[in-house]
Amino acid sequence: MTCDAISVRGKKYVFVTGGEINTEQDALDLLSACYEHETTLIMLPFECLSDAYLDLFTRLAGLFLQKLTNYGVKTAAIIDPGRLFERFKELSYESAKGNSFRVFGCIEDAEEWLIV
């Protein structure tokens, strides 16, 4: 998985630029990227979300997000709502009640939430 550090209004976040989330280890890799870039903010574009991640029956999304949440990492995903499995829509709705993970339709909205 490859990442870039993006700076916006004095805050940095890790933006995944290549690879897919396929295992829990990918969460640890992103935590390392956060540590390297001195941030606790991550942006996940749709292209990095594997079918296994989006299919909640695999439990990958829950395990992945739990790891990031345990370390205080705030994560935004950019996903076209029409491309989501029904169960993932439910996860998105529930997670919007907290401040650890949210799903957005565009990068601008995701960025605004991340850097607040």
N, C-alpha and C. Protein backbone atom coordinates (compact mmCIF):
# COMPACT_ATOMS: atom_id res chain seq x y z
N MET A 1 0.85 -1.16 0.00
CA MET A 1 0.00 0.00 0.00
C MET A 1 0.90 1.24 0.00
N THR A 2 0.58 2.19 -0.86
CA THR A 2 1.36 3.42 -0.92
C THR A 2 0.50 4.60 -0.47
N CYS A 3 1.17 5.58 0.13
CA CYS A 3 0.47 6.73 0.70
C CYS A 3 1.26 8.00 0.45
N ASP A 4 0.54 9.11 0.47
CA ASP A 4 1.14 10.44 0.44
C ASP A 4 0.63 11.22 1.63
N ALA A 5 1.43 12.15 2.11
CA ALA A 5 0.98 13.07 3.16
C ALA A 5 0.47 14.33 2.47
N ILE A 6 -0.74 14.72 2.78
CA ILE A 6 -1.36 15.91 2.20
C ILE A 6 -1.53 16.93 3.31
N SER A 7 -1.15 18.18 3.05
CA SER A 7 -1.32 19.26 4.03
C SER A 7 -2.41 20.21 3.56
N VAL A 8 -3.35 20.49 4.46
CA VAL A 8 -4.44 21.41 4.17
C VAL A 8 -4.64 22.29 5.41
N ARG A 9 -4.56 23.57 5.23
CA ARG A 9 -4.76 24.55 6.31
C ARG A 9 -4.00 24.17 7.58
N GLY A 10 -2.77 23.77 7.40
CA GLY A 10 -1.90 23.49 8.54
C GLY A 10 -2.08 22.11 9.17
N LYS A 11 -2.93 21.28 8.60
CA LYS A 11 -3.10 19.91 9.11
C LYS A 11 -2.71 18.92 8.03
N LYS A 12 -2.14 17.79 8.46
CA LYS A 12 -1.72 16.74 7.53
C LYS A 12 -2.61 15.52 7.67
N TYR A 13 -2.81 14.85 6.54
CA TYR A 13 -3.46 13.55 6.58
C TYR A 13 -2.77 12.62 5.59
N VAL A 14 -2.93 11.33 5.83
CA VAL A 14 -2.38 10.30 4.96
C VAL A 14 -3.45 9.95 3.93
N PHE A 15 -3.07 10.03 2.65
CA PHE A 15 -3.96 9.71 1.55
C PHE A 15 -3.42 8.46 0.86
N VAL A 16 -4.23 7.41 0.81
CA VAL A 16 -3.80 6.15 0.18
C VAL A 16 -3.81 6.34 -1.34
N THR A 17 -2.66 6.14 -1.96
CA THR A 17 -2.53 6.36 -3.40
C THR A 17 -2.43 5.08 -4.21
N GLY A 18 -2.18 3.95 -3.57
CA GLY A 18 -2.06 2.70 -4.30
C GLY A 18 -2.23 1.50 -3.42
N GLY A 19 -2.69 0.41 -4.01
CA GLY A 19 -2.91 -0.82 -3.26
C GLY A 19 -4.34 -0.89 -2.76
N GLU A 20 -4.69 -2.06 -2.24
CA GLU A 20 -6.03 -2.29 -1.69
C GLU A 20 -5.94 -2.79 -0.25
N ILE A 21 -6.96 -2.49 0.51
CA ILE A 21 -7.07 -3.01 1.87
C ILE A 21 -7.61 -4.43 1.76
N ASN A 22 -6.79 -5.40 2.13
CA ASN A 22 -7.17 -6.81 2.03
C ASN A 22 -7.02 -7.57 3.34
N THR A 23 -6.25 -7.02 4.29
CA THR A 23 -5.99 -7.71 5.55
C THR A 23 -5.93 -6.72 6.70
N GLU A 24 -5.97 -7.25 7.91
CA GLU A 24 -5.79 -6.40 9.10
C GLU A 24 -4.41 -5.76 9.10
N GLN A 25 -3.44 -6.43 8.53
CA GLN A 25 -2.08 -5.89 8.46
C GLN A 25 -2.06 -4.54 7.76
N ASP A 26 -2.96 -4.34 6.83
CA ASP A 26 -3.03 -3.06 6.11
C ASP A 26 -3.35 -1.92 7.08
N ALA A 27 -4.12 -2.19 8.11
CA ALA A 27 -4.39 -1.17 9.13
C ALA A 27 -3.09 -0.80 9.85
N LEU A 28 -2.31 -1.81 10.18
CA LEU A 28 -1.02 -1.55 10.84
C LEU A 28 -0.08 -0.77 9.93
N ASP A 29 -0.10 -1.07 8.64
CA ASP A 29 0.71 -0.33 7.68
C ASP A 29 0.29 1.14 7.63
N LEU A 30 -1.01 1.39 7.68
CA LEU A 30 -1.48 2.77 7.67
C LEU A 30 -1.16 3.48 8.99
N LEU A 31 -1.20 2.75 10.08
CA LEU A 31 -0.78 3.34 11.36
C LEU A 31 0.68 3.75 11.29
N SER A 32 1.51 2.93 10.67
CA SER A 32 2.92 3.26 10.49
C SER A 32 3.07 4.52 9.64
N ALA A 33 2.28 4.62 8.58
CA ALA A 33 2.32 5.80 7.72
C ALA A 33 1.90 7.05 8.50
N CYS A 34 0.90 6.91 9.37
CA CYS A 34 0.49 8.04 10.20
C CYS A 34 1.63 8.48 11.12
N TYR A 35 2.28 7.51 11.74
CA TYR A 35 3.40 7.80 12.63
C TYR A 35 4.53 8.49 11.86
N GLU A 36 4.82 7.97 10.69
CA GLU A 36 5.88 8.53 9.86
C GLU A 36 5.60 9.98 9.47
N HIS A 37 4.34 10.29 9.20
CA HIS A 37 3.97 11.64 8.75
C HIS A 37 3.42 12.52 9.87
N GLU A 38 3.49 12.01 11.11
CA GLU A 38 3.07 12.76 12.30
C GLU A 38 1.63 13.27 12.20
N THR A 39 0.72 12.33 11.94
CA THR A 39 -0.69 12.67 11.87
C THR A 39 -1.53 11.50 12.37
N THR A 40 -2.79 11.77 12.68
CA THR A 40 -3.73 10.71 13.06
C THR A 40 -4.96 10.78 12.16
N LEU A 41 -4.76 11.24 10.93
CA LEU A 41 -5.85 11.39 9.97
C LEU A 41 -5.55 10.60 8.70
N ILE A 42 -6.56 9.85 8.22
CA ILE A 42 -6.40 9.03 7.01
C ILE A 42 -7.58 9.26 6.07
N MET A 43 -7.27 9.34 4.77
CA MET A 43 -8.31 9.40 3.74
C MET A 43 -8.17 8.16 2.85
N LEU A 44 -9.27 7.44 2.69
CA LEU A 44 -9.31 6.22 1.88
C LEU A 44 -10.14 6.46 0.62
N PRO A 45 -9.52 6.53 -0.55
CA PRO A 45 -10.31 6.61 -1.78
C PRO A 45 -10.95 5.26 -2.09
N PHE A 46 -12.01 5.27 -2.85
CA PHE A 46 -12.75 4.04 -3.15
C PHE A 46 -11.85 2.97 -3.76
N GLU A 47 -10.89 3.38 -4.57
CA GLU A 47 -10.03 2.44 -5.28
C GLU A 47 -9.22 1.55 -4.35
N CYS A 48 -8.99 1.99 -3.12
CA CYS A 48 -8.19 1.17 -2.20
C CYS A 48 -9.04 0.22 -1.37
N LEU A 49 -10.35 0.29 -1.52
CA LEU A 49 -11.24 -0.57 -0.74
C LEU A 49 -11.59 -1.82 -1.54
N SER A 50 -11.06 -2.94 -1.10
CA SER A 50 -11.31 -4.21 -1.80
C SER A 50 -12.76 -4.65 -1.59
N ASP A 51 -13.21 -5.59 -2.41
CA ASP A 51 -14.54 -6.16 -2.23
C ASP A 51 -14.65 -6.81 -0.86
N ALA A 52 -13.57 -7.43 -0.39
CA ALA A 52 -13.57 -8.06 0.94
C ALA A 52 -13.79 -7.01 2.02
N TYR A 53 -13.25 -5.82 1.84
CA TYR A 53 -13.45 -4.74 2.81
C TYR A 53 -14.90 -4.28 2.82
N LEU A 54 -15.46 -4.11 1.64
CA LEU A 54 -16.83 -3.60 1.52
C LEU A 54 -17.90 -4.62 1.89
N ASP A 55 -17.57 -5.90 1.87
CA ASP A 55 -18.51 -6.97 2.22
C ASP A 55 -18.35 -7.27 3.72
N LEU A 56 -19.28 -6.80 4.51
CA LEU A 56 -19.14 -6.92 5.96
C LEU A 56 -19.14 -8.35 6.47
N PHE A 57 -19.59 -9.29 5.66
CA PHE A 57 -19.56 -10.69 6.09
C PHE A 57 -18.13 -11.20 6.28
N THR A 58 -17.15 -10.55 5.67
CA THR A 58 -15.75 -10.95 5.84
C THR A 58 -15.18 -10.44 7.16
N ARG A 59 -15.83 -9.47 7.78
CA ARG A 59 -15.41 -8.84 9.04
C ARG A 59 -14.17 -7.96 8.88
N LEU A 60 -13.61 -7.85 7.68
CA LEU A 60 -12.39 -7.08 7.47
C LEU A 60 -12.58 -5.61 7.81
N ALA A 61 -13.64 -4.99 7.35
CA ALA A 61 -13.86 -3.56 7.62
C ALA A 61 -13.93 -3.30 9.13
N GLY A 62 -14.67 -4.13 9.84
CA GLY A 62 -14.79 -3.94 11.29
C GLY A 62 -13.47 -4.08 12.01
N LEU A 63 -12.71 -5.11 11.66
CA LEU A 63 -11.40 -5.33 12.30
C LEU A 63 -10.43 -4.21 11.94
N PHE A 64 -10.45 -3.80 10.69
CA PHE A 64 -9.58 -2.73 10.20
C PHE A 64 -9.88 -1.42 10.94
N LEU A 65 -11.16 -1.05 10.96
CA LEU A 65 -11.54 0.22 11.60
C LEU A 65 -11.34 0.18 13.11
N GLN A 66 -11.53 -0.98 13.73
CA GLN A 66 -11.32 -1.09 15.17
C GLN A 66 -9.86 -0.82 15.52
N LYS A 67 -8.94 -1.34 14.72
CA LYS A 67 -7.52 -1.09 14.96
C LYS A 67 -7.21 0.39 14.88
N LEU A 68 -7.72 1.05 13.84
CA LEU A 68 -7.45 2.48 13.69
C LEU A 68 -8.08 3.28 14.83
N THR A 69 -9.29 2.92 15.20
CA THR A 69 -9.99 3.61 16.29
C THR A 69 -9.25 3.44 17.61
N ASN A 70 -8.74 2.24 17.87
CA ASN A 70 -7.98 1.99 19.10
C ASN A 70 -6.77 2.91 19.24
N TYR A 71 -6.22 3.33 18.12
CA TYR A 71 -5.05 4.21 18.14
C TYR A 71 -5.42 5.68 17.91
N GLY A 72 -6.71 5.98 17.97
CA GLY A 72 -7.16 7.37 17.86
C GLY A 72 -7.04 7.97 16.48
N VAL A 73 -7.11 7.13 15.46
CA VAL A 73 -6.99 7.61 14.08
C VAL A 73 -8.38 7.90 13.52
N LYS A 74 -8.53 9.08 12.97
CA LYS A 74 -9.77 9.52 12.33
C LYS A 74 -9.66 9.19 10.85
N THR A 75 -10.67 8.48 10.31
CA THR A 75 -10.59 7.97 8.95
C THR A 75 -11.82 8.38 8.14
N ALA A 76 -11.55 8.90 6.95
CA ALA A 76 -12.62 9.25 6.01
C ALA A 76 -12.47 8.39 4.76
N ALA A 77 -13.58 7.89 4.24
CA ALA A 77 -13.57 7.12 3.00
C ALA A 77 -14.40 7.87 1.96
N ILE A 78 -13.91 7.86 0.74
CA ILE A 78 -14.62 8.50 -0.36
C ILE A 78 -15.24 7.38 -1.19
N ILE A 79 -16.57 7.29 -1.13
CA ILE A 79 -17.26 6.19 -1.79
C ILE A 79 -18.54 6.70 -2.45
N ASP A 80 -18.74 6.32 -3.68
CA ASP A 80 -20.00 6.59 -4.36
C ASP A 80 -21.05 5.71 -3.70
N PRO A 81 -22.10 6.30 -3.09
CA PRO A 81 -23.10 5.50 -2.37
C PRO A 81 -23.74 4.39 -3.22
N GLY A 82 -23.82 4.58 -4.50
CA GLY A 82 -24.41 3.58 -5.38
C GLY A 82 -23.56 2.33 -5.53
N ARG A 83 -22.32 2.38 -5.08
CA ARG A 83 -21.41 1.24 -5.22
C ARG A 83 -21.24 0.46 -3.92
N LEU A 84 -22.07 0.75 -2.93
CA LEU A 84 -21.94 0.11 -1.63
C LEU A 84 -22.87 -1.08 -1.47
N PHE A 85 -22.37 -2.11 -0.79
CA PHE A 85 -23.22 -3.21 -0.37
C PHE A 85 -24.16 -2.69 0.71
N GLU A 86 -25.34 -3.25 0.80
CA GLU A 86 -26.35 -2.78 1.75
C GLU A 86 -25.84 -2.77 3.19
N ARG A 87 -25.16 -3.84 3.60
CA ARG A 87 -24.66 -3.90 4.97
C ARG A 87 -23.62 -2.82 5.24
N PHE A 88 -22.81 -2.48 4.24
CA PHE A 88 -21.81 -1.43 4.43
C PHE A 88 -22.49 -0.08 4.58
N LYS A 89 -23.61 0.11 3.90
CA LYS A 89 -24.38 1.34 4.08
C LYS A 89 -24.83 1.47 5.54
N GLU A 90 -25.22 0.34 6.14
CA GLU A 90 -25.63 0.35 7.54
C GLU A 90 -24.45 0.73 8.44
N LEU A 91 -23.28 0.17 8.16
CA LEU A 91 -22.08 0.53 8.92
C LEU A 91 -21.78 2.02 8.79
N SER A 92 -21.90 2.54 7.58
CA SER A 92 -21.64 3.96 7.33
C SER A 92 -22.59 4.84 8.14
N TYR A 93 -23.85 4.44 8.16
CA TYR A 93 -24.85 5.20 8.91
C TYR A 93 -24.53 5.20 10.40
N GLU A 94 -24.22 4.03 10.95
CA GLU A 94 -23.90 3.92 12.38
C GLU A 94 -22.61 4.66 12.73
N SER A 95 -21.61 4.57 11.88
CA SER A 95 -20.33 5.21 12.18
C SER A 95 -20.44 6.73 12.12
N ALA A 96 -21.42 7.25 11.39
CA ALA A 96 -21.59 8.70 11.31
C ALA A 96 -22.01 9.30 12.65
N LYS A 97 -22.43 8.46 13.57
CA LYS A 97 -22.80 8.94 14.91
C LYS A 97 -21.58 9.24 15.76
N GLY A 98 -20.44 8.68 15.39
CA GLY A 98 -19.20 8.89 16.13
C GLY A 98 -18.28 9.84 15.39
N ASN A 99 -17.03 9.88 15.83
CA ASN A 99 -16.07 10.80 15.22
C ASN A 99 -14.81 10.07 14.75
N SER A 100 -14.91 8.77 14.48
CA SER A 100 -13.74 8.00 14.07
C SER A 100 -13.73 7.65 12.59
N PHE A 101 -14.90 7.38 12.02
CA PHE A 101 -14.98 6.96 10.63
C PHE A 101 -16.24 7.50 9.98
N ARG A 102 -16.06 8.06 8.79
CA ARG A 102 -17.21 8.54 8.02
C ARG A 102 -16.99 8.28 6.55
N VAL A 103 -18.10 8.17 5.83
CA VAL A 103 -18.08 7.96 4.39
C VAL A 103 -18.60 9.23 3.72
N PHE A 104 -17.91 9.64 2.65
CA PHE A 104 -18.28 10.84 1.92
C PHE A 104 -18.32 10.54 0.43
N GLY A 105 -19.07 11.34 -0.30
CA GLY A 105 -19.18 11.17 -1.74
C GLY A 105 -18.11 11.91 -2.52
N CYS A 106 -17.43 12.87 -1.88
CA CYS A 106 -16.39 13.62 -2.58
C CYS A 106 -15.24 13.96 -1.63
N ILE A 107 -14.10 14.21 -2.21
CA ILE A 107 -12.89 14.48 -1.43
C ILE A 107 -13.01 15.78 -0.62
N GLU A 108 -13.68 16.78 -1.17
CA GLU A 108 -13.80 18.06 -0.47
C GLU A 108 -14.54 17.91 0.86
N ASP A 109 -15.66 17.19 0.85
CA ASP A 109 -16.42 16.97 2.08
C ASP A 109 -15.62 16.14 3.08
N ALA A 110 -14.95 15.12 2.59
CA ALA A 110 -14.13 14.26 3.45
C ALA A 110 -13.01 15.07 4.09
N GLU A 111 -12.36 15.87 3.31
CA GLU A 111 -11.25 16.70 3.80
C GLU A 111 -11.73 17.69 4.85
N GLU A 112 -12.86 18.31 4.60
CA GLU A 112 -13.41 19.27 5.56
C GLU A 112 -13.66 18.62 6.92
N TRP A 113 -14.22 17.41 6.92
CA TRP A 113 -14.48 16.69 8.17
C TRP A 113 -13.19 16.28 8.84
N LEU A 114 -12.23 15.81 8.06
CA LEU A 114 -10.96 15.35 8.63
C LEU A 114 -10.20 16.46 9.35
N ILE A 115 -10.14 17.63 8.75
CA ILE A 115 -9.26 18.67 9.30
C ILE A 115 -9.92 19.60 10.30
N VAL A 116 -11.17 19.36 10.61
CA VAL A 116 -11.85 20.19 11.62
C VAL A 116 -11.27 19.94 12.99
